[in-house]
Structure formats: structure tokens, C-alpha cells
Amino acid sequence: MRNLLASDEFRPFVNLVFQNVKFAETDSKRNNYTFGLSYRNPQLGILSLRYDSISYGTVVDYTDSILNARYQYNF
């Protein structure tokens, strides 16, 4: 979406990855989910939010999540 306010830009994104991995001679599943959005304005800079989650199943039951907020301004 573009030009809601002046010359700004809003970009949502999603990335899903489903894999089979091997742990100590045993197959396991690994799922990686990424969701986020980015807001860009030439005068204000870039604000982005991103959520990553990775989970292992079958052999190892483990989940890790990261929430990241970033602001970038170039001068």
C-alpha cells in the first residue's frame, strides 16, 4: 500500500518454512514462521516490526520466538 499519507509505503510480509531435519540419526520436523510489517516515510524514516518463531517436533519438542522492533532514520 502506498501514498496513504504523502509518499509513504506500508508493506506486510509472511514467510513460512517447513523442513525435515536429522537429529542424532532420527528425523524431526522444523517449522519457521515469520510475520511482519514495515512502514516507510521519506521524512520520518522506516519503522518495522517482525515476529519469528521456530519449532522442532517429533524427537525434540522445542519452540523459540523473537519479536523485533526497528526504527531507521538516515540523515
PDB file of N, CA and C in Angstrom:
ATOM      1  N   MET A   1       0.853  -1.171   0.000  1.00  0.00           N
ATOM      2  CA  MET A   1       0.000   0.000   0.000  1.00  0.00           C
ATOM      3  C   MET A   1       0.899   1.233   0.000  1.00  0.00           C
ATOM      4  N   ARG A   2       0.581   2.176  -0.829  1.00  0.00           N
ATOM      5  CA  ARG A   2       1.417   3.374  -0.959  1.00  0.00           C
ATOM      6  C   ARG A   2       0.564   4.636  -0.905  1.00  0.00           C
ATOM      7  N   ASN A   3       1.236   5.718  -0.546  1.00  0.00           N
ATOM      8  CA  ASN A   3       0.676   7.066  -0.589  1.00  0.00           C
ATOM      9  C   ASN A   3      -0.585   7.260   0.253  1.00  0.00           C
ATOM     10  N   LEU A   4      -0.635   6.636   1.410  1.00  0.00           N
ATOM     11  CA  LEU A   4      -1.730   6.905   2.324  1.00  0.00           C
ATOM     12  C   LEU A   4      -1.579   8.298   2.923  1.00  0.00           C
ATOM     13  N   LEU A   5      -0.364   8.624   3.339  1.00  0.00           N
ATOM     14  CA  LEU A   5      -0.022   9.947   3.850  1.00  0.00           C
ATOM     15  C   LEU A   5       1.203  10.416   3.078  1.00  0.00           C
ATOM     16  N   ALA A   6       1.024  11.362   2.205  1.00  0.00           N
ATOM     17  CA  ALA A   6       2.120  11.883   1.368  1.00  0.00           C
ATOM     18  C   ALA A   6       2.714  10.765   0.521  1.00  0.00           C
ATOM     19  N   SER A   7       4.005  10.482   0.675  1.00  0.00           N
ATOM     20  CA  SER A   7       4.653   9.450  -0.144  1.00  0.00           C
ATOM     21  C   SER A   7       5.138   8.295   0.726  1.00  0.00           C
ATOM     22  N   ASP A   8       4.284   7.810   1.598  1.00  0.00           N
ATOM     23  CA  ASP A   8       4.668   6.713   2.480  1.00  0.00           C
ATOM     24  C   ASP A   8       4.348   5.352   1.863  1.00  0.00           C
ATOM     25  N   GLU A   9       4.818   4.304   2.507  1.00  0.00           N
ATOM     26  CA  GLU A   9       4.654   2.945   1.990  1.00  0.00           C
ATOM     27  C   GLU A   9       4.512   1.967   3.161  1.00  0.00           C
ATOM     28  N   PHE A  10       3.537   1.095   3.090  1.00  0.00           N
ATOM     29  CA  PHE A  10       3.273   0.107   4.117  1.00  0.00           C
ATOM     30  C   PHE A  10       3.388  -1.286   3.481  1.00  0.00           C
ATOM     31  N   ARG A  11       4.252  -2.158   4.069  1.00  0.00           N
ATOM     32  CA  ARG A  11       4.476  -3.489   3.486  1.00  0.00           C
ATOM     33  C   ARG A  11       4.345  -4.582   4.551  1.00  0.00           C
ATOM     34  N   PRO A  12       3.320  -5.384   4.492  1.00  0.00           N
ATOM     35  CA  PRO A  12       3.269  -6.568   5.350  1.00  0.00           C
ATOM     36  C   PRO A  12       4.010  -7.716   4.668  1.00  0.00           C
ATOM     37  N   PHE A  13       4.528  -8.666   5.453  1.00  0.00           N
ATOM     38  CA  PHE A  13       5.165  -9.830   4.849  1.00  0.00           C
ATOM     39  C   PHE A  13       4.976 -11.060   5.728  1.00  0.00           C
ATOM     40  N   VAL A  14       4.975 -12.214   5.075  1.00  0.00           N
ATOM     41  CA  VAL A  14       4.824 -13.511   5.735  1.00  0.00           C
ATOM     42  C   VAL A  14       5.771 -14.485   5.050  1.00  0.00           C
ATOM     43  N   ASN A  15       6.468 -15.292   5.844  1.00  0.00           N
ATOM     44  CA  ASN A  15       7.337 -16.330   5.304  1.00  0.00           C
ATOM     45  C   ASN A  15       7.150 -17.590   6.158  1.00  0.00           C
ATOM     46  N   LEU A  16       6.815 -18.693   5.540  1.00  0.00           N
ATOM     47  CA  LEU A  16       6.622 -19.969   6.228  1.00  0.00           C
ATOM     48  C   LEU A  16       7.560 -20.999   5.624  1.00  0.00           C
ATOM     49  N   VAL A  17       8.311 -21.699   6.479  1.00  0.00           N
ATOM     50  CA  VAL A  17       9.248 -22.723   6.016  1.00  0.00           C
ATOM     51  C   VAL A  17       8.995 -23.989   6.829  1.00  0.00           C
ATOM     52  N   PHE A  18       8.737 -25.094   6.139  1.00  0.00           N
ATOM     53  CA  PHE A  18       8.519 -26.398   6.767  1.00  0.00           C
ATOM     54  C   PHE A  18       9.618 -27.337   6.289  1.00  0.00           C
ATOM     55  N   GLN A  19      10.380 -27.922   7.240  1.00  0.00           N
ATOM     56  CA  GLN A  19      11.526 -28.746   6.865  1.00  0.00           C
ATOM     57  C   GLN A  19      11.542 -30.041   7.662  1.00  0.00           C
ATOM     58  N   ASN A  20      12.255 -31.014   7.134  1.00  0.00           N
ATOM     59  CA  ASN A  20      12.602 -32.224   7.869  1.00  0.00           C
ATOM     60  C   ASN A  20      14.106 -32.181   8.107  1.00  0.00           C
ATOM     61  N   VAL A  21      14.520 -32.354   9.364  1.00  0.00           N
ATOM     62  CA  VAL A  21      15.932 -32.313   9.727  1.00  0.00           C
ATOM     63  C   VAL A  21      16.292 -33.586  10.480  1.00  0.00           C
ATOM     64  N   LYS A  22      17.586 -33.849  10.587  1.00  0.00           N
ATOM     65  CA  LYS A  22      18.058 -35.066  11.237  1.00  0.00           C
ATOM     66  C   LYS A  22      18.787 -34.722  12.531  1.00  0.00           C
ATOM     67  N   PHE A  23      18.351 -35.299  13.658  1.00  0.00           N
ATOM     68  CA  PHE A  23      18.982 -35.163  14.968  1.00  0.00           C
ATOM     69  C   PHE A  23      19.433 -36.543  15.424  1.00  0.00           C
ATOM     70  N   ALA A  24      20.710 -36.735  15.557  1.00  0.00           N
ATOM     71  CA  ALA A  24      21.262 -37.997  16.083  1.00  0.00           C
ATOM     72  C   ALA A  24      20.618 -39.212  15.413  1.00  0.00           C
ATOM     73  N   GLU A  25      20.677 -39.238  14.101  1.00  0.00           N
ATOM     74  CA  GLU A  25      20.152 -40.366  13.313  1.00  0.00           C
ATOM     75  C   GLU A  25      18.634 -40.501  13.361  1.00  0.00           C
ATOM     76  N   THR A  26      17.921 -39.492  13.839  1.00  0.00           N
ATOM     77  CA  THR A  26      16.461 -39.525  13.896  1.00  0.00           C
ATOM     78  C   THR A  26      15.912 -38.313  13.155  1.00  0.00           C
ATOM     79  N   ASP A  27      14.908 -38.532  12.322  1.00  0.00           N
ATOM     80  CA  ASP A  27      14.291 -37.430  11.590  1.00  0.00           C
ATOM     81  C   ASP A  27      13.345 -36.649  12.495  1.00  0.00           C
ATOM     82  N   SER A  28      13.323 -35.348  12.291  1.00  0.00           N
ATOM     83  CA  SER A  28      12.452 -34.466  13.056  1.00  0.00           C
ATOM     84  C   SER A  28      11.917 -33.379  12.132  1.00  0.00           C
ATOM     85  N   LYS A  29      10.862 -32.704  12.551  1.00  0.00           N
ATOM     86  CA  LYS A  29      10.298 -31.607  11.774  1.00  0.00           C
ATOM     87  C   LYS A  29      10.737 -30.279  12.379  1.00  0.00           C
ATOM     88  N   ARG A  30      10.994 -29.313  11.508  1.00  0.00           N
ATOM     89  CA  ARG A  30      11.328 -27.959  11.944  1.00  0.00           C
ATOM     90  C   ARG A  30      10.464 -26.995  11.145  1.00  0.00           C
ATOM     91  N   ASN A  31       9.758 -26.133  11.852  1.00  0.00           N
ATOM     92  CA  ASN A  31       8.891 -25.143  11.218  1.00  0.00           C
ATOM     93  C   ASN A  31       9.350 -23.752  11.620  1.00  0.00           C
ATOM     94  N   ASN A  32       9.473 -22.870  10.631  1.00  0.00           N
ATOM     95  CA  ASN A  32       9.895 -21.495  10.885  1.00  0.00           C
ATOM     96  C   ASN A  32       8.821 -20.567  10.323  1.00  0.00           C
ATOM     97  N   TYR A  33       8.266 -19.718  11.199  1.00  0.00           N
ATOM     98  CA  TYR A  33       7.228 -18.773  10.810  1.00  0.00           C
ATOM     99  C   TYR A  33       7.763 -17.353  10.999  1.00  0.00           C
ATOM    100  N   THR A  34       7.570 -16.502  10.015  1.00  0.00           N
ATOM    101  CA  THR A  34       7.967 -15.106  10.104  1.00  0.00           C
ATOM    102  C   THR A  34       6.796 -14.238   9.649  1.00  0.00           C
ATOM    103  N   PHE A  35       6.424 -13.282  10.502  1.00  0.00           N
ATOM    104  CA  PHE A  35       5.364 -12.329  10.190  1.00  0.00           C
ATOM    105  C   PHE A  35       5.889 -10.942  10.502  1.00  0.00           C
ATOM    106  N   GLY A  36       5.534  -9.964   9.691  1.00  0.00           N
ATOM    107  CA  GLY A  36       5.998  -8.618   9.992  1.00  0.00           C
ATOM    108  C   GLY A  36       5.349  -7.574   9.128  1.00  0.00           C
ATOM    109  N   LEU A  37       5.709  -6.342   9.437  1.00  0.00           N
ATOM    110  CA  LEU A  37       5.246  -5.221   8.640  1.00  0.00           C
ATOM    111  C   LEU A  37       6.273  -4.105   8.717  1.00  0.00           C
ATOM    112  N   SER A  38       6.282  -3.308   7.675  1.00  0.00           N
ATOM    113  CA  SER A  38       7.239  -2.209   7.570  1.00  0.00           C
ATOM    114  C   SER A  38       6.491  -0.964   7.098  1.00  0.00           C
ATOM    115  N   TYR A  39       6.770   0.151   7.757  1.00  0.00           N
ATOM    116  CA  TYR A  39       6.193   1.434   7.362  1.00  0.00           C
ATOM    117  C   TYR A  39       7.342   2.362   6.997  1.00  0.00           C
ATOM    118  N   ARG A  40       7.327   2.904   5.786  1.00  0.00           N
ATOM    119  CA  ARG A  40       8.397   3.763   5.283  1.00  0.00           C
ATOM    120  C   ARG A  40       7.816   5.113   4.877  1.00  0.00           C
ATOM    121  N   ASN A  41       8.468   6.180   5.374  1.00  0.00           N
ATOM    122  CA  ASN A  41       8.090   7.525   5.013  1.00  0.00           C
ATOM    123  C   ASN A  41       9.387   8.296   4.751  1.00  0.00           C
ATOM    124  N   PRO A  42       9.502   8.985   3.626  1.00  0.00           N
ATOM    125  CA  PRO A  42      10.755   9.670   3.293  1.00  0.00           C
ATOM    126  C   PRO A  42      11.210  10.695   4.344  1.00  0.00           C
ATOM    127  N   GLN A  43      10.271  11.357   5.018  1.00  0.00           N
ATOM    128  CA  GLN A  43      10.644  12.350   6.026  1.00  0.00           C
ATOM    129  C   GLN A  43      10.877  11.727   7.408  1.00  0.00           C
ATOM    130  N   LEU A  44      10.154  10.676   7.748  1.00  0.00           N
ATOM    131  CA  LEU A  44      10.216  10.100   9.092  1.00  0.00           C
ATOM    132  C   LEU A  44      11.142   8.897   9.216  1.00  0.00           C
ATOM    133  N   GLY A  45      11.427   8.201   8.138  1.00  0.00           N
ATOM    134  CA  GLY A  45      12.275   7.017   8.183  1.00  0.00           C
ATOM    135  C   GLY A  45      11.466   5.735   8.037  1.00  0.00           C
ATOM    136  N   ILE A  46      12.005   4.641   8.596  1.00  0.00           N
ATOM    137  CA  ILE A  46      11.396   3.319   8.453  1.00  0.00           C
ATOM    138  C   ILE A  46      11.162   2.720   9.832  1.00  0.00           C
ATOM    139  N   LEU A  47       9.950   2.256  10.072  1.00  0.00           N
ATOM    140  CA  LEU A  47       9.609   1.541  11.292  1.00  0.00           C
ATOM    141  C   LEU A  47       9.187   0.135  10.887  1.00  0.00           C
ATOM    142  N   SER A  48       9.833  -0.885  11.463  1.00  0.00           N
ATOM    143  CA  SER A  48       9.451  -2.249  11.120  1.00  0.00           C
ATOM    144  C   SER A  48       9.277  -3.084  12.386  1.00  0.00           C
ATOM    145  N   LEU A  49       8.320  -3.985  12.337  1.00  0.00           N
ATOM    146  CA  LEU A  49       8.054  -4.956  13.391  1.00  0.00           C
ATOM    147  C   LEU A  49       8.116  -6.336  12.766  1.00  0.00           C
ATOM    148  N   ARG A  50       8.750  -7.283  13.479  1.00  0.00           N
ATOM    149  CA  ARG A  50       8.919  -8.630  12.933  1.00  0.00           C
ATOM    150  C   ARG A  50       8.806  -9.646  14.059  1.00  0.00           C
ATOM    151  N   TYR A  51       8.091 -10.734  13.779  1.00  0.00           N
ATOM    152  CA  TYR A  51       7.951 -11.831  14.732  1.00  0.00           C
ATOM    153  C   TYR A  51       8.434 -13.105  14.059  1.00  0.00           C
ATOM    154  N   ASP A  52       9.395 -13.783  14.683  1.00  0.00           N
ATOM    155  CA  ASP A  52       9.920 -15.050  14.184  1.00  0.00           C
ATOM    156  C   ASP A  52       9.653 -16.130  15.226  1.00  0.00           C
ATOM    157  N   SER A  53       9.229 -17.291  14.755  1.00  0.00           N
ATOM    158  CA  SER A  53       9.040 -18.436  15.636  1.00  0.00           C
ATOM    159  C   SER A  53       9.589 -19.670  14.941  1.00  0.00           C
ATOM    160  N   ILE A  54      10.380 -20.446  15.666  1.00  0.00           N
ATOM    161  CA  ILE A  54      10.912 -21.693  15.130  1.00  0.00           C
ATOM    162  C   ILE A  54      10.552 -22.799  16.110  1.00  0.00           C
ATOM    163  N   SER A  55      10.052 -23.902  15.593  1.00  0.00           N
ATOM    164  CA  SER A  55       9.660 -25.006  16.462  1.00  0.00           C
ATOM    165  C   SER A  55      10.167 -26.325  15.882  1.00  0.00           C
ATOM    166  N   TYR A  56      10.617 -27.164  16.788  1.00  0.00           N
ATOM    167  CA  TYR A  56      11.050 -28.510  16.447  1.00  0.00           C
ATOM    168  C   TYR A  56      10.046 -29.485  17.037  1.00  0.00           C
ATOM    169  N   GLY A  57       9.742 -30.531  16.303  1.00  0.00           N
ATOM    170  CA  GLY A  57       8.792 -31.520  16.784  1.00  0.00           C
ATOM    171  C   GLY A  57       9.366 -32.915  16.682  1.00  0.00           C
ATOM    172  N   THR A  58       8.584 -33.884  16.980  1.00  0.00           N
ATOM    173  CA  THR A  58       8.920 -35.301  16.917  1.00  0.00           C
ATOM    174  C   THR A  58       9.930 -35.687  17.993  1.00  0.00           C
ATOM    175  N   VAL A  59      11.231 -35.583  17.733  1.00  0.00           N
ATOM    176  CA  VAL A  59      12.261 -36.010  18.688  1.00  0.00           C
ATOM    177  C   VAL A  59      12.453 -34.964  19.781  1.00  0.00           C
ATOM    178  N   VAL A  60      12.681 -33.729  19.374  1.00  0.00           N
ATOM    179  CA  VAL A  60      12.913 -32.636  20.316  1.00  0.00           C
ATOM    180  C   VAL A  60      11.703 -31.721  20.282  1.00  0.00           C
ATOM    181  N   ASP A  61      11.066 -31.512  21.415  1.00  0.00           N
ATOM    182  CA  ASP A  61       9.920 -30.606  21.470  1.00  0.00           C
ATOM    183  C   ASP A  61      10.419 -29.263  21.988  1.00  0.00           C
ATOM    184  N   TYR A  62      10.718 -28.335  21.060  1.00  0.00           N
ATOM    185  CA  TYR A  62      11.352 -27.074  21.408  1.00  0.00           C
ATOM    186  C   TYR A  62      10.778 -25.959  20.538  1.00  0.00           C
ATOM    187  N   THR A  63      10.476 -24.815  21.151  1.00  0.00           N
ATOM    188  CA  THR A  63       9.987 -23.654  20.417  1.00  0.00           C
ATOM    189  C   THR A  63      10.723 -22.414  20.888  1.00  0.00           C
ATOM    190  N   ASP A  64      11.106 -21.552  19.950  1.00  0.00           N
ATOM    191  CA  ASP A  64      11.782 -20.299  20.273  1.00  0.00           C
ATOM    192  C   ASP A  64      11.118 -19.182  19.476  1.00  0.00           C
ATOM    193  N   SER A  65      10.932 -18.035  20.111  1.00  0.00           N
ATOM    194  CA  SER A  65      10.282 -16.905  19.457  1.00  0.00           C
ATOM    195  C   SER A  65      11.102 -15.638  19.653  1.00  0.00           C
ATOM    196  N   ILE A  66      11.072 -14.775  18.638  1.00  0.00           N
ATOM    197  CA  ILE A  66      11.764 -13.495  18.692  1.00  0.00           C
ATOM    198  C   ILE A  66      10.816 -12.414  18.172  1.00  0.00           C
ATOM    199  N   LEU A  67      10.687 -11.343  18.930  1.00  0.00           N
ATOM    200  CA  LEU A  67       9.930 -10.177  18.499  1.00  0.00           C
ATOM    201  C   LEU A  67      10.924  -9.032  18.350  1.00  0.00           C
ATOM    202  N   ASN A  68      10.950  -8.418  17.176  1.00  0.00           N
ATOM    203  CA  ASN A  68      11.950  -7.400  16.872  1.00  0.00           C
ATOM    204  C   ASN A  68      11.249  -6.131  16.388  1.00  0.00           C
ATOM    205  N   ALA A  69      11.599  -4.995  16.979  1.00  0.00           N
ATOM    206  CA  ALA A  69      11.123  -3.692  16.517  1.00  0.00           C
ATOM    207  C   ALA A  69      12.354  -2.881  16.114  1.00  0.00           C
ATOM    208  N   ARG A  70      12.277  -2.211  14.983  1.00  0.00           N
ATOM    209  CA  ARG A  70      13.432  -1.460  14.485  1.00  0.00           C
ATOM    210  C   ARG A  70      12.966  -0.138  13.874  1.00  0.00           C
ATOM    211  N   TYR A  71      13.712   0.907  14.189  1.00  0.00           N
ATOM    212  CA  TYR A  71      13.476   2.216  13.585  1.00  0.00           C
ATOM    213  C   TYR A  71      14.767   2.662  12.914  1.00  0.00           C
ATOM    214  N   GLN A  72      14.672   3.097  11.672  1.00  0.00           N
ATOM    215  CA  GLN A  72      15.855   3.518  10.920  1.00  0.00           C
ATOM    216  C   GLN A  72      15.585   4.899  10.331  1.00  0.00           C
ATOM    217  N   TYR A  73      16.524   5.799  10.587  1.00  0.00           N
ATOM    218  CA  TYR A  73      16.446   7.142  10.029  1.00  0.00           C
ATOM    219  C   TYR A  73      17.803   7.504   9.453  1.00  0.00           C
ATOM    220  N   ASN A  74      17.855   7.862   8.189  1.00  0.00           N
ATOM    221  CA  ASN A  74      19.097   8.265   7.538  1.00  0.00           C
ATOM    222  C   ASN A  74      19.138   9.788   7.412  1.00  0.00           C
ATOM    223  N   PHE A  75      20.274  10.364   7.776  1.00  0.00           N
ATOM    224  CA  PHE A  75      20.437  11.800   7.652  1.00  0.00           C
ATOM    225  C   PHE A  75      21.784  12.130   7.056  1.00  0.00           C
TER     226      PHE A  75
END
